[in-house]
Structure formats: structure tokens, C-alpha cells
PDB file of N, CA and C in Angstrom:
ATOM      1  N   UNK A   1       5.184  21.098 -53.368  1.00  0.00           N
ATOM      2  CA  UNK A   1       6.269  21.496 -54.241  1.00  0.00           C
ATOM      3  C   UNK A   1       7.595  21.171 -53.560  1.00  0.00           C
ATOM      4  N   UNK A   2       8.518  20.582 -54.299  1.00  0.00           N
ATOM      5  CA  UNK A   2       9.847  20.277 -53.781  1.00  0.00           C
ATOM      6  C   UNK A   2      10.710  21.519 -53.910  1.00  0.00           C
ATOM      7  N   UNK A   3      11.323  21.918 -52.795  1.00  0.00           N
ATOM      8  CA  UNK A   3      12.185  23.100 -52.843  1.00  0.00           C
ATOM      9  C   UNK A   3      13.601  22.734 -53.240  1.00  0.00           C
ATOM     10  N   UNK A   4      14.025  21.518 -52.929  1.00  0.00           N
ATOM     11  CA  UNK A   4      15.358  21.089 -53.341  1.00  0.00           C
ATOM     12  C   UNK A   4      15.399  19.572 -53.435  1.00  0.00           C
ATOM     13  N   UNK A   5      16.324  19.095 -54.214  1.00  0.00           N
ATOM     14  CA  UNK A   5      16.554  17.664 -54.366  1.00  0.00           C
ATOM     15  C   UNK A   5      18.049  17.441 -54.436  1.00  0.00           C
ATOM     16  N   UNK A   6      18.504  16.357 -53.851  1.00  0.00           N
ATOM     17  CA  UNK A   6      19.924  16.021 -53.865  1.00  0.00           C
ATOM     18  C   UNK A   6      20.090  14.670 -54.538  1.00  0.00           C
ATOM     19  N   UNK A   7      20.929  14.637 -55.547  1.00  0.00           N
ATOM     20  CA  UNK A   7      21.266  13.386 -56.216  1.00  0.00           C
ATOM     21  C   UNK A   7      22.771  13.228 -56.115  1.00  0.00           C
ATOM     22  N   UNK A   8      23.194  12.235 -55.370  1.00  0.00           N
ATOM     23  CA  UNK A   8      24.620  12.041 -55.127  1.00  0.00           C
ATOM     24  C   UNK A   8      25.378  11.638 -56.383  1.00  0.00           C
ATOM     25  N   UNK A   9      24.787  10.772 -57.177  1.00  0.00           N
ATOM     26  CA  UNK A   9      25.470  10.283 -58.382  1.00  0.00           C
ATOM     27  C   UNK A   9      24.409  10.020 -59.439  1.00  0.00           C
ATOM     28  N   UNK A  10      24.082  11.042 -60.208  1.00  0.00           N
ATOM     29  CA  UNK A  10      22.943  10.964 -61.128  1.00  0.00           C
ATOM     30  C   UNK A  10      23.114   9.902 -62.210  1.00  0.00           C
ATOM     31  N   UNK A  11      24.332   9.597 -62.621  1.00  0.00           N
ATOM     32  CA  UNK A  11      24.475   8.640 -63.717  1.00  0.00           C
ATOM     33  C   UNK A  11      24.174   7.199 -63.311  1.00  0.00           C
ATOM     34  N   UNK A  12      23.846   6.945 -62.038  1.00  0.00           N
ATOM     35  CA  UNK A  12      23.391   5.623 -61.618  1.00  0.00           C
ATOM     36  C   UNK A  12      21.908   5.407 -61.940  1.00  0.00           C
ATOM     37  N   UNK A  13      21.181   6.489 -62.236  1.00  0.00           N
ATOM     38  CA  UNK A  13      19.767   6.398 -62.573  1.00  0.00           C
ATOM     39  C   UNK A  13      19.603   6.079 -64.049  1.00  0.00           C
ATOM     40  N   UNK A  14      18.676   5.164 -64.391  1.00  0.00           N
ATOM     41  CA  UNK A  14      18.378   4.970 -65.814  1.00  0.00           C
ATOM     42  C   UNK A  14      17.801   6.266 -66.385  1.00  0.00           C
ATOM     43  N   UNK A  15      18.132   6.582 -67.605  1.00  0.00           N
ATOM     44  CA  UNK A  15      17.630   7.773 -68.295  1.00  0.00           C
ATOM     45  C   UNK A  15      17.971   9.052 -67.536  1.00  0.00           C
ATOM     46  N   UNK A  16      19.160   9.104 -66.938  1.00  0.00           N
ATOM     47  CA  UNK A  16      19.540  10.249 -66.115  1.00  0.00           C
ATOM     48  C   UNK A  16      19.566  11.556 -66.901  1.00  0.00           C
ATOM     49  N   UNK A  17      19.885  11.484 -68.179  1.00  0.00           N
ATOM     50  CA  UNK A  17      19.944  12.714 -68.969  1.00  0.00           C
ATOM     51  C   UNK A  17      18.557  13.351 -69.099  1.00  0.00           C
ATOM     52  N   UNK A  18      17.534  12.519 -69.235  1.00  0.00           N
ATOM     53  CA  UNK A  18      16.164  13.036 -69.306  1.00  0.00           C
ATOM     54  C   UNK A  18      15.742  13.620 -67.959  1.00  0.00           C
ATOM     55  N   UNK A  19      16.097  12.953 -66.878  1.00  0.00           N
ATOM     56  CA  UNK A  19      15.773  13.433 -65.533  1.00  0.00           C
ATOM     57  C   UNK A  19      16.420  14.791 -65.295  1.00  0.00           C
ATOM     58  N   UNK A  20      17.681  14.918 -65.638  1.00  0.00           N
ATOM     59  CA  UNK A  20      18.399  16.177 -65.443  1.00  0.00           C
ATOM     60  C   UNK A  20      17.802  17.286 -66.307  1.00  0.00           C
ATOM     61  N   UNK A  21      17.466  16.995 -67.557  1.00  0.00           N
ATOM     62  CA  UNK A  21      16.888  18.001 -68.451  1.00  0.00           C
ATOM     63  C   UNK A  21      15.563  18.523 -67.901  1.00  0.00           C
ATOM     64  N   UNK A  22      14.713  17.641 -67.403  1.00  0.00           N
ATOM     65  CA  UNK A  22      13.430  18.062 -66.830  1.00  0.00           C
ATOM     66  C   UNK A  22      13.661  18.885 -65.565  1.00  0.00           C
ATOM     67  N   UNK A  23      14.546  18.420 -64.696  1.00  0.00           N
ATOM     68  CA  UNK A  23      14.829  19.139 -63.445  1.00  0.00           C
ATOM     69  C   UNK A  23      15.355  20.543 -63.723  1.00  0.00           C
ATOM     70  N   UNK A  24      16.269  20.679 -64.659  1.00  0.00           N
ATOM     71  CA  UNK A  24      16.808  21.998 -64.989  1.00  0.00           C
ATOM     72  C   UNK A  24      15.763  22.887 -65.651  1.00  0.00           C
ATOM     73  N   UNK A  25      14.858  22.288 -66.411  1.00  0.00           N
ATOM     74  CA  UNK A  25      13.800  23.049 -67.044  1.00  0.00           C
ATOM     75  C   UNK A  25      12.811  23.629 -66.041  1.00  0.00           C
ATOM     76  N   UNK A  26      12.665  22.981 -64.895  1.00  0.00           N
ATOM     77  CA  UNK A  26      11.745  23.441 -63.851  1.00  0.00           C
ATOM     78  C   UNK A  26      12.419  24.306 -62.800  1.00  0.00           C
ATOM     79  N   UNK A  27      13.730  24.299 -62.758  1.00  0.00           N
ATOM     80  CA  UNK A  27      14.472  24.982 -61.696  1.00  0.00           C
ATOM     81  C   UNK A  27      14.724  26.445 -62.025  1.00  0.00           C
ATOM     82  N   UNK A  28      14.828  27.262 -60.962  1.00  0.00           N
ATOM     83  CA  UNK A  28      15.272  28.633 -61.161  1.00  0.00           C
ATOM     84  C   UNK A  28      16.694  28.827 -60.647  1.00  0.00           C
ATOM     85  N   UNK A  29      17.249  27.783 -60.025  1.00  0.00           N
ATOM     86  CA  UNK A  29      18.661  27.771 -59.656  1.00  0.00           C
ATOM     87  C   UNK A  29      19.127  26.332 -59.546  1.00  0.00           C
ATOM     88  N   UNK A  30      20.438  26.167 -59.615  1.00  0.00           N
ATOM     89  CA  UNK A  30      21.021  24.832 -59.636  1.00  0.00           C
ATOM     90  C   UNK A  30      22.402  24.928 -59.019  1.00  0.00           C
ATOM     91  N   UNK A  31      22.743  23.995 -58.137  1.00  0.00           N
ATOM     92  CA  UNK A  31      24.072  24.055 -57.526  1.00  0.00           C
ATOM     93  C   UNK A  31      24.770  22.712 -57.597  1.00  0.00           C
ATOM     94  N   UNK A  32      26.093  22.797 -57.633  1.00  0.00           N
ATOM     95  CA  UNK A  32      26.953  21.627 -57.672  1.00  0.00           C
ATOM     96  C   UNK A  32      28.100  21.865 -56.703  1.00  0.00           C
ATOM     97  N   UNK A  33      28.488  20.807 -55.985  1.00  0.00           N
ATOM     98  CA  UNK A  33      29.633  20.893 -55.072  1.00  0.00           C
ATOM     99  C   UNK A  33      30.814  20.191 -55.740  1.00  0.00           C
ATOM    100  N   UNK A  34      31.942  20.901 -55.787  1.00  0.00           N
ATOM    101  CA  UNK A  34      33.168  20.332 -56.342  1.00  0.00           C
ATOM    102  C   UNK A  34      34.295  20.468 -55.333  1.00  0.00           C
ATOM    103  N   UNK A  35      35.221  19.493 -55.321  1.00  0.00           N
ATOM    104  CA  UNK A  35      36.425  19.661 -54.514  1.00  0.00           C
ATOM    105  C   UNK A  35      37.243  20.831 -55.058  1.00  0.00           C
ATOM    106  N   UNK A  36      37.945  21.521 -54.195  1.00  0.00           N
ATOM    107  CA  UNK A  36      38.840  22.596 -54.617  1.00  0.00           C
ATOM    108  C   UNK A  36      40.098  22.006 -55.232  1.00  0.00           C
ATOM    109  N   UNK A  37      40.789  22.798 -56.002  1.00  0.00           N
ATOM    110  CA  UNK A  37      42.048  22.355 -56.597  1.00  0.00           C
ATOM    111  C   UNK A  37      41.983  22.347 -58.101  1.00  0.00           C
ATOM    112  N   UNK A  38      43.073  21.912 -58.695  1.00  0.00           N
ATOM    113  CA  UNK A  38      43.210  21.877 -60.144  1.00  0.00           C
ATOM    114  C   UNK A  38      42.296  20.818 -60.760  1.00  0.00           C
ATOM    115  N   UNK A  39      41.779  21.116 -61.951  1.00  0.00           N
ATOM    116  CA  UNK A  39      40.947  20.162 -62.681  1.00  0.00           C
ATOM    117  C   UNK A  39      41.792  18.975 -63.118  1.00  0.00           C
ATOM    118  N   UNK A  40      41.271  17.772 -62.893  1.00  0.00           N
ATOM    119  CA  UNK A  40      41.958  16.535 -63.254  1.00  0.00           C
ATOM    120  C   UNK A  40      40.938  15.610 -63.903  1.00  0.00           C
ATOM    121  N   UNK A  41      41.150  15.251 -65.162  1.00  0.00           N
ATOM    122  CA  UNK A  41      40.191  14.409 -65.880  1.00  0.00           C
ATOM    123  C   UNK A  41      40.049  13.028 -65.256  1.00  0.00           C
ATOM    124  N   UNK A  42      41.024  12.592 -64.482  1.00  0.00           N
ATOM    125  CA  UNK A  42      40.961  11.283 -63.835  1.00  0.00           C
ATOM    126  C   UNK A  42      40.095  11.294 -62.572  1.00  0.00           C
ATOM    127  N   UNK A  43      39.801  12.472 -62.042  1.00  0.00           N
ATOM    128  CA  UNK A  43      39.014  12.594 -60.813  1.00  0.00           C
ATOM    129  C   UNK A  43      37.539  12.724 -61.181  1.00  0.00           C
ATOM    130  N   UNK A  44      36.747  11.657 -60.975  1.00  0.00           N
ATOM    131  CA  UNK A  44      35.341  11.678 -61.357  1.00  0.00           C
ATOM    132  C   UNK A  44      34.533  12.707 -60.567  1.00  0.00           C
ATOM    133  N   UNK A  45      35.032  13.153 -59.431  1.00  0.00           N
ATOM    134  CA  UNK A  45      34.329  14.176 -58.656  1.00  0.00           C
ATOM    135  C   UNK A  45      34.348  15.541 -59.345  1.00  0.00           C
ATOM    136  N   UNK A  46      35.204  15.694 -60.344  1.00  0.00           N
ATOM    137  CA  UNK A  46      35.324  16.964 -61.064  1.00  0.00           C
ATOM    138  C   UNK A  46      34.621  16.955 -62.421  1.00  0.00           C
ATOM    139  N   UNK A  47      33.911  15.865 -62.742  1.00  0.00           N
ATOM    140  CA  UNK A  47      33.225  15.785 -64.034  1.00  0.00           C
ATOM    141  C   UNK A  47      32.288  16.967 -64.224  1.00  0.00           C
ATOM    142  N   UNK A  48      32.396  17.635 -65.348  1.00  0.00           N
ATOM    143  CA  UNK A  48      31.531  18.756 -65.686  1.00  0.00           C
ATOM    144  C   UNK A  48      31.918  20.087 -65.078  1.00  0.00           C
ATOM    145  N   UNK A  49      32.968  20.118 -64.270  1.00  0.00           N
ATOM    146  CA  UNK A  49      33.329  21.372 -63.604  1.00  0.00           C
ATOM    147  C   UNK A  49      33.671  22.492 -64.589  1.00  0.00           C
ATOM    148  N   UNK A  50      34.495  22.257 -65.619  1.00  0.00           N
ATOM    149  CA  UNK A  50      34.811  23.361 -66.541  1.00  0.00           C
ATOM    150  C   UNK A  50      33.559  23.958 -67.193  1.00  0.00           C
ATOM    151  N   UNK A  51      32.596  23.109 -67.562  1.00  0.00           N
ATOM    152  CA  UNK A  51      31.374  23.591 -68.192  1.00  0.00           C
ATOM    153  C   UNK A  51      30.508  24.359 -67.190  1.00  0.00           C
ATOM    154  N   UNK A  52      30.421  23.846 -65.976  1.00  0.00           N
ATOM    155  CA  UNK A  52      29.558  24.477 -64.982  1.00  0.00           C
ATOM    156  C   UNK A  52      30.101  25.827 -64.541  1.00  0.00           C
ATOM    157  N   UNK A  53      31.397  25.922 -64.315  1.00  0.00           N
ATOM    158  CA  UNK A  53      31.962  27.191 -63.844  1.00  0.00           C
ATOM    159  C   UNK A  53      31.952  28.275 -64.928  1.00  0.00           C
ATOM    160  N   UNK A  54      31.657  27.913 -66.169  1.00  0.00           N
ATOM    161  CA  UNK A  54      31.579  28.910 -67.232  1.00  0.00           C
ATOM    162  C   UNK A  54      30.167  29.503 -67.372  1.00  0.00           C
ATOM    163  N   UNK A  55      29.202  29.040 -66.564  1.00  0.00           N
ATOM    164  CA  UNK A  55      27.837  29.568 -66.644  1.00  0.00           C
ATOM    165  C   UNK A  55      27.778  31.016 -66.180  1.00  0.00           C
ATOM    166  N   UNK A  56      26.885  31.824 -66.769  1.00  0.00           N
ATOM    167  CA  UNK A  56      26.719  33.205 -66.311  1.00  0.00           C
ATOM    168  C   UNK A  56      25.990  33.235 -64.966  1.00  0.00           C
ATOM    169  N   UNK A  57      26.098  34.330 -64.254  1.00  0.00           N
ATOM    170  CA  UNK A  57      25.416  34.546 -62.973  1.00  0.00           C
ATOM    171  C   UNK A  57      25.764  33.482 -61.931  1.00  0.00           C
ATOM    172  N   UNK A  58      27.004  33.036 -61.938  1.00  0.00           N
ATOM    173  CA  UNK A  58      27.453  31.984 -61.027  1.00  0.00           C
ATOM    174  C   UNK A  58      27.940  32.585 -59.716  1.00  0.00           C
ATOM    175  N   UNK A  59      27.505  32.001 -58.603  1.00  0.00           N
ATOM    176  CA  UNK A  59      27.987  32.396 -57.281  1.00  0.00           C
ATOM    177  C   UNK A  59      28.761  31.221 -56.708  1.00  0.00           C
ATOM    178  N   UNK A  60      29.859  31.514 -56.027  1.00  0.00           N
ATOM    179  CA  UNK A  60      30.710  30.469 -55.461  1.00  0.00           C
ATOM    180  C   UNK A  60      30.844  30.709 -53.966  1.00  0.00           C
ATOM    181  N   UNK A  61      30.718  29.636 -53.206  1.00  0.00           N
ATOM    182  CA  UNK A  61      30.873  29.741 -51.756  1.00  0.00           C
ATOM    183  C   UNK A  61      31.547  28.503 -51.188  1.00  0.00           C
ATOM    184  N   UNK A  62      31.936  28.590 -49.935  1.00  0.00           N
ATOM    185  CA  UNK A  62      32.551  27.458 -49.247  1.00  0.00           C
ATOM    186  C   UNK A  62      31.465  26.448 -48.896  1.00  0.00           C
ATOM    187  N   UNK A  63      31.711  25.176 -49.109  1.00  0.00           N
ATOM    188  CA  UNK A  63      30.763  24.123 -48.768  1.00  0.00           C
ATOM    189  C   UNK A  63      31.225  23.471 -47.467  1.00  0.00           C
ATOM    190  N   UNK A  64      30.473  23.660 -46.373  1.00  0.00           N
ATOM    191  CA  UNK A  64      30.924  23.186 -45.064  1.00  0.00           C
ATOM    192  C   UNK A  64      30.792  21.682 -44.856  1.00  0.00           C
ATOM    193  N   UNK A  65      30.074  20.987 -45.729  1.00  0.00           N
ATOM    194  CA  UNK A  65      29.808  19.566 -45.509  1.00  0.00           C
ATOM    195  C   UNK A  65      30.836  18.628 -46.135  1.00  0.00           C
ATOM    196  N   UNK A  66      31.843  19.189 -46.799  1.00  0.00           N
ATOM    197  CA  UNK A  66      32.904  18.370 -47.387  1.00  0.00           C
ATOM    198  C   UNK A  66      34.207  19.161 -47.287  1.00  0.00           C
ATOM    199  N   UNK A  67      35.227  18.543 -46.757  1.00  0.00           N
ATOM    200  CA  UNK A  67      36.511  19.212 -46.562  1.00  0.00           C
ATOM    201  C   UNK A  67      37.073  19.715 -47.885  1.00  0.00           C
ATOM    202  N   UNK A  68      37.575  20.954 -47.875  1.00  0.00           N
ATOM    203  CA  UNK A  68      38.253  21.547 -49.028  1.00  0.00           C
ATOM    204  C   UNK A  68      37.401  21.487 -50.300  1.00  0.00           C
ATOM    205  N   UNK A  69      36.193  22.040 -50.212  1.00  0.00           N
ATOM    206  CA  UNK A  69      35.301  22.032 -51.371  1.00  0.00           C
ATOM    207  C   UNK A  69      34.512  23.334 -51.445  1.00  0.00           C
ATOM    208  N   UNK A  70      33.930  23.576 -52.610  1.00  0.00           N
ATOM    209  CA  UNK A  70      33.137  24.785 -52.844  1.00  0.00           C
ATOM    210  C   UNK A  70      31.816  24.411 -53.478  1.00  0.00           C
ATOM    211  N   UNK A  71      30.801  25.259 -53.228  1.00  0.00           N
ATOM    212  CA  UNK A  71      29.512  25.086 -53.883  1.00  0.00           C
ATOM    213  C   UNK A  71      29.399  26.168 -54.947  1.00  0.00           C
ATOM    214  N   UNK A  72      28.981  25.767 -56.120  1.00  0.00           N
ATOM    215  CA  UNK A  72      28.800  26.667 -57.254  1.00  0.00           C
ATOM    216  C   UNK A  72      27.307  26.740 -57.525  1.00  0.00           C
ATOM    217  N   UNK A  73      26.730  27.929 -57.402  1.00  0.00           N
ATOM    218  CA  UNK A  73      25.297  28.131 -57.564  1.00  0.00           C
ATOM    219  C   UNK A  73      25.024  28.955 -58.816  1.00  0.00           C
ATOM    220  N   UNK A  74      24.262  28.384 -59.727  1.00  0.00           N
ATOM    221  CA  UNK A  74      23.866  29.088 -60.948  1.00  0.00           C
ATOM    222  C   UNK A  74      22.407  29.502 -60.797  1.00  0.00           C
ATOM    223  N   UNK A  75      22.136  30.761 -61.071  1.00  0.00           N
ATOM    224  CA  UNK A  75      20.778  31.290 -60.990  1.00  0.00           C
ATOM    225  C   UNK A  75      20.315  31.616 -62.398  1.00  0.00           C
ATOM    226  N   UNK A  76      19.198  31.039 -62.802  1.00  0.00           N
ATOM    227  CA  UNK A  76      18.661  31.302 -64.130  1.00  0.00           C
ATOM    228  C   UNK A  76      17.952  32.634 -64.102  1.00  0.00           C
ATOM    229  N   UNK A  77      18.164  33.429 -65.110  1.00  0.00           N
ATOM    230  CA  UNK A  77      17.460  34.694 -65.256  1.00  0.00           C
ATOM    231  C   UNK A  77      16.245  34.429 -66.143  1.00  0.00           C
ATOM    232  N   UNK A  78      15.064  34.386 -65.530  1.00  0.00           N
ATOM    233  CA  UNK A  78      13.846  34.067 -66.259  1.00  0.00           C
ATOM    234  C   UNK A  78      13.255  35.374 -66.810  1.00  0.00           C
ATOM    235  N   UNK A  79      13.088  35.454 -68.129  1.00  0.00           N
ATOM    236  CA  UNK A  79      12.543  36.696 -68.710  1.00  0.00           C
ATOM    237  C   UNK A  79      11.087  36.894 -68.305  1.00  0.00           C
ATOM    238  N   UNK A  80      10.719  38.128 -68.083  1.00  0.00           N
ATOM    239  CA  UNK A  80       9.342  38.456 -67.730  1.00  0.00           C
ATOM    240  C   UNK A  80       8.465  38.393 -68.972  1.00  0.00           C
ATOM    241  N   UNK A  81       7.329  37.699 -68.837  1.00  0.00           N
ATOM    242  CA  UNK A  81       6.387  37.627 -69.946  1.00  0.00           C
ATOM    243  C   UNK A  81       5.077  38.258 -69.504  1.00  0.00           C
ATOM    244  N   UNK A  82       4.545  39.154 -70.316  1.00  0.00           N
ATOM    245  CA  UNK A  82       3.270  39.784 -69.957  1.00  0.00           C
ATOM    246  C   UNK A  82       2.111  39.170 -70.716  1.00  0.00           C
TER     247      UNK A  82
END
């Protein structure tokens, strides 16, 4: 079982939307690293940030591997089924 996967630039993969949908369907958490600062539509590193930061149960922390950036961690709340 894979515990984590890193994709630097998912839109370089063919059918990336299908890959992302399957990965999110199997995941119980998902994180994205964004540079700190104001949202700028011209900065491709900020793509999807407004949508991602609006997710419920979001945790934010400092990302030590990139200067002036934060990691945003979304945890899915999986309902219990008996």
C-alpha cells in the first residue's frame, strides 16, 4: 500500500483529471503546498488555492522545504458504516 505520493505538476500527465479523481477517492487526506502571499491569477503556483483553502477540516502549517510557503492538509471525514 502506498502511504503517500508526490506529483510535482499533475497537468503534465495525460488524463490527469481521472488520475486525481481516483487518488482523491482512495485518500483519507490530501495536502497541497502553496507559496505564502496574496493570490495572483498570473502565478501558476497558486492555481486552485482559493478552492482548496475553502475545504472543511483544513489544517495549515509551515512547509520547511520551500521558502515562504505553507502546507494545507485536508482530512476527509469518512462516515462509519455498519
